[in-house]
N, C-alpha and C. Protein backbone atom coordinates (compact mmCIF):
# COMPACT_ATOMS: atom_id res chain seq x y z
N UNK A 1 6.99 -25.77 39.34
CA UNK A 1 5.87 -26.49 38.80
C UNK A 1 6.35 -27.90 38.45
N UNK A 2 5.63 -28.92 38.85
CA UNK A 2 6.09 -30.29 38.57
C UNK A 2 5.95 -30.61 37.09
N UNK A 3 6.71 -31.61 36.68
CA UNK A 3 6.60 -32.08 35.31
C UNK A 3 5.19 -32.58 35.04
N UNK A 4 4.87 -32.76 33.78
CA UNK A 4 3.52 -33.21 33.42
C UNK A 4 3.21 -34.54 34.08
N UNK A 5 2.15 -34.53 34.85
CA UNK A 5 1.71 -35.79 35.45
C UNK A 5 0.84 -36.51 34.43
N UNK A 6 0.54 -37.77 34.62
CA UNK A 6 -0.26 -38.52 33.64
C UNK A 6 -1.61 -37.87 33.37
N UNK A 7 -2.19 -37.19 34.36
CA UNK A 7 -3.49 -36.57 34.13
C UNK A 7 -3.40 -35.32 33.26
N UNK A 8 -2.21 -34.68 33.24
CA UNK A 8 -2.05 -33.43 32.53
C UNK A 8 -1.37 -33.58 31.18
N UNK A 9 -1.20 -34.75 30.68
CA UNK A 9 -0.52 -34.96 29.41
C UNK A 9 -1.40 -34.39 28.30
N UNK A 10 -0.80 -33.54 27.48
CA UNK A 10 -1.54 -32.93 26.38
C UNK A 10 -1.33 -33.75 25.12
N UNK A 11 -2.35 -33.76 24.29
CA UNK A 11 -2.25 -34.49 23.03
C UNK A 11 -1.39 -33.69 22.07
N UNK A 12 -0.61 -34.34 21.23
CA UNK A 12 0.14 -33.60 20.21
C UNK A 12 -0.84 -32.93 19.24
N UNK A 13 -0.38 -31.90 18.58
CA UNK A 13 -1.25 -31.16 17.67
C UNK A 13 -1.80 -32.02 16.55
N UNK A 14 -1.03 -33.00 16.10
CA UNK A 14 -1.50 -33.84 15.00
C UNK A 14 -2.70 -34.69 15.40
N UNK A 15 -2.87 -34.96 16.69
CA UNK A 15 -3.98 -35.78 17.14
C UNK A 15 -5.13 -34.94 17.70
N UNK A 16 -4.98 -33.63 17.70
CA UNK A 16 -6.03 -32.75 18.23
C UNK A 16 -7.24 -32.80 17.28
N UNK A 17 -8.44 -32.64 17.83
CA UNK A 17 -9.62 -32.64 16.95
C UNK A 17 -9.57 -31.46 15.98
N UNK A 18 -9.99 -31.71 14.77
CA UNK A 18 -9.96 -30.67 13.73
C UNK A 18 -11.09 -29.68 13.95
N UNK A 19 -10.83 -28.43 13.61
CA UNK A 19 -11.86 -27.39 13.69
C UNK A 19 -12.71 -27.50 12.42
N UNK A 20 -14.04 -27.54 12.57
CA UNK A 20 -14.87 -27.66 11.37
C UNK A 20 -14.72 -26.45 10.46
N UNK A 21 -14.76 -26.68 9.18
CA UNK A 21 -14.61 -25.61 8.19
C UNK A 21 -15.88 -24.77 8.14
N UNK A 22 -15.73 -23.53 7.73
CA UNK A 22 -16.88 -22.63 7.59
C UNK A 22 -17.77 -23.14 6.46
N UNK A 23 -19.08 -22.92 6.58
CA UNK A 23 -19.96 -23.38 5.51
C UNK A 23 -19.70 -22.62 4.22
N UNK A 24 -19.92 -23.28 3.12
CA UNK A 24 -19.72 -22.68 1.81
C UNK A 24 -20.75 -21.57 1.59
N UNK A 25 -20.29 -20.44 1.08
CA UNK A 25 -21.17 -19.30 0.80
C UNK A 25 -21.18 -19.09 -0.70
N UNK A 26 -22.38 -18.98 -1.26
CA UNK A 26 -22.49 -18.76 -2.70
C UNK A 26 -21.99 -17.36 -3.02
N UNK A 27 -21.16 -17.24 -4.05
CA UNK A 27 -20.62 -15.94 -4.44
C UNK A 27 -21.61 -15.22 -5.34
N UNK A 28 -21.71 -13.90 -5.13
CA UNK A 28 -22.58 -13.08 -5.97
C UNK A 28 -21.91 -12.89 -7.33
N UNK A 29 -22.70 -12.81 -8.38
CA UNK A 29 -22.09 -12.59 -9.70
C UNK A 29 -21.41 -11.21 -9.73
N UNK A 30 -20.27 -11.14 -10.40
CA UNK A 30 -19.53 -9.89 -10.45
C UNK A 30 -20.24 -8.90 -11.38
N UNK A 31 -20.42 -7.69 -10.85
CA UNK A 31 -21.04 -6.62 -11.62
C UNK A 31 -19.98 -5.55 -11.82
N UNK A 32 -19.79 -5.06 -13.04
CA UNK A 32 -18.77 -4.04 -13.23
C UNK A 32 -19.10 -2.79 -12.43
N UNK A 33 -18.06 -2.16 -11.88
CA UNK A 33 -18.25 -0.96 -11.06
C UNK A 33 -18.78 0.18 -11.92
N UNK A 34 -19.76 0.91 -11.37
CA UNK A 34 -20.34 2.03 -12.09
C UNK A 34 -19.50 3.27 -11.80
N UNK A 35 -19.09 3.96 -12.83
CA UNK A 35 -18.26 5.14 -12.63
C UNK A 35 -19.12 6.29 -12.11
N UNK A 36 -18.47 7.25 -11.48
CA UNK A 36 -19.19 8.39 -10.90
C UNK A 36 -19.80 9.23 -12.01
N UNK A 37 -19.06 9.45 -13.08
CA UNK A 37 -19.58 10.25 -14.18
C UNK A 37 -19.10 9.65 -15.49
N UNK A 38 -20.01 9.32 -16.37
CA UNK A 38 -19.63 8.83 -17.68
C UNK A 38 -19.26 10.03 -18.55
N UNK A 39 -18.33 9.83 -19.46
CA UNK A 39 -17.90 10.90 -20.35
C UNK A 39 -19.07 11.43 -21.18
N UNK A 40 -19.93 10.55 -21.65
CA UNK A 40 -21.02 10.96 -22.53
C UNK A 40 -22.35 11.09 -21.80
N UNK A 41 -22.37 10.78 -20.50
CA UNK A 41 -23.62 10.82 -19.75
C UNK A 41 -23.85 12.17 -19.09
N UNK A 42 -24.89 12.23 -18.28
CA UNK A 42 -25.22 13.45 -17.55
C UNK A 42 -24.44 13.50 -16.25
N UNK A 43 -24.44 14.71 -15.61
CA UNK A 43 -23.86 14.85 -14.27
C UNK A 43 -24.66 14.00 -13.31
N UNK A 44 -24.01 13.46 -12.30
CA UNK A 44 -24.78 12.80 -11.24
C UNK A 44 -25.68 13.83 -10.56
N UNK A 45 -26.83 13.40 -10.14
CA UNK A 45 -27.82 14.33 -9.57
C UNK A 45 -27.29 15.06 -8.34
N UNK A 46 -26.60 14.34 -7.44
CA UNK A 46 -26.07 14.97 -6.24
C UNK A 46 -25.06 16.06 -6.55
N UNK A 47 -24.23 15.84 -7.57
CA UNK A 47 -23.23 16.84 -7.95
C UNK A 47 -23.91 18.08 -8.52
N UNK A 48 -24.94 17.91 -9.31
CA UNK A 48 -25.65 19.05 -9.89
C UNK A 48 -26.33 19.88 -8.80
N UNK A 49 -26.94 19.20 -7.81
CA UNK A 49 -27.60 19.92 -6.71
C UNK A 49 -26.57 20.68 -5.88
N UNK A 50 -25.45 20.05 -5.56
CA UNK A 50 -24.41 20.70 -4.77
C UNK A 50 -23.84 21.91 -5.52
N UNK A 51 -23.62 21.78 -6.82
CA UNK A 51 -23.11 22.88 -7.62
C UNK A 51 -24.10 24.05 -7.60
N UNK A 52 -25.38 23.77 -7.75
CA UNK A 52 -26.41 24.81 -7.72
C UNK A 52 -26.43 25.52 -6.36
N UNK A 53 -26.37 24.76 -5.28
CA UNK A 53 -26.38 25.35 -3.94
C UNK A 53 -25.15 26.23 -3.74
N UNK A 54 -23.97 25.77 -4.15
CA UNK A 54 -22.75 26.57 -3.99
C UNK A 54 -22.82 27.85 -4.81
N UNK A 55 -23.37 27.78 -6.02
CA UNK A 55 -23.50 28.98 -6.84
C UNK A 55 -24.44 29.98 -6.20
N UNK A 56 -25.58 29.52 -5.69
CA UNK A 56 -26.54 30.42 -5.04
C UNK A 56 -25.93 31.02 -3.79
N UNK A 57 -25.27 30.22 -2.96
CA UNK A 57 -24.66 30.71 -1.73
C UNK A 57 -23.54 31.70 -2.05
N UNK A 58 -22.74 31.41 -3.05
CA UNK A 58 -21.65 32.33 -3.45
C UNK A 58 -22.17 33.66 -3.91
N UNK A 59 -23.25 33.66 -4.69
CA UNK A 59 -23.84 34.91 -5.15
C UNK A 59 -24.49 35.68 -3.99
N UNK A 60 -25.07 34.96 -3.05
CA UNK A 60 -25.68 35.62 -1.89
C UNK A 60 -24.60 36.32 -1.05
N UNK A 61 -23.48 35.69 -0.83
CA UNK A 61 -22.39 36.30 -0.07
C UNK A 61 -21.83 37.49 -0.84
N UNK A 62 -21.63 37.36 -2.14
CA UNK A 62 -21.12 38.47 -2.94
C UNK A 62 -22.10 39.64 -2.93
N UNK A 63 -23.40 39.36 -3.01
CA UNK A 63 -24.41 40.42 -2.96
C UNK A 63 -24.41 41.13 -1.61
N UNK A 64 -24.24 40.37 -0.52
CA UNK A 64 -24.20 40.97 0.81
C UNK A 64 -22.99 41.89 0.94
N UNK A 65 -21.83 41.44 0.47
CA UNK A 65 -20.63 42.29 0.51
C UNK A 65 -20.83 43.55 -0.33
N UNK A 66 -21.46 43.43 -1.49
CA UNK A 66 -21.71 44.58 -2.35
C UNK A 66 -22.61 45.59 -1.62
N UNK A 67 -23.65 45.08 -0.92
CA UNK A 67 -24.53 45.98 -0.16
C UNK A 67 -23.76 46.68 0.97
N UNK A 68 -22.85 45.97 1.64
CA UNK A 68 -22.05 46.59 2.68
C UNK A 68 -21.19 47.72 2.13
N UNK A 69 -20.55 47.50 0.98
CA UNK A 69 -19.74 48.55 0.38
C UNK A 69 -20.59 49.73 -0.10
N UNK A 70 -21.75 49.45 -0.65
CA UNK A 70 -22.64 50.52 -1.09
C UNK A 70 -23.12 51.35 0.10
N UNK A 71 -23.48 50.64 1.18
CA UNK A 71 -23.95 51.38 2.37
C UNK A 71 -22.81 52.15 3.01
N UNK A 72 -21.60 51.63 2.99
CA UNK A 72 -20.45 52.32 3.56
C UNK A 72 -20.01 53.52 2.76
N UNK A 73 -20.28 53.52 1.45
CA UNK A 73 -19.87 54.62 0.60
C UNK A 73 -20.76 55.85 0.77
N UNK A 74 -21.94 55.68 1.35
CA UNK A 74 -22.87 56.81 1.47
C UNK A 74 -22.73 57.50 2.78
């Protein structure tokens, strides 16, 4: 490849055009993070629903197993 010809001379970095800066964005006011559960507050609604569903499902499985053992004993 030949040396740089006059047409291919690159400008030094100091003389290169500057890239425009990003526009200023207004910052949102900082809001303290809300904890999942406050010590003195109530359970979060989603946690209470999930707990209720797990309790009902657990009792349903236990009841089904009890019926299987009762039916097997006869």
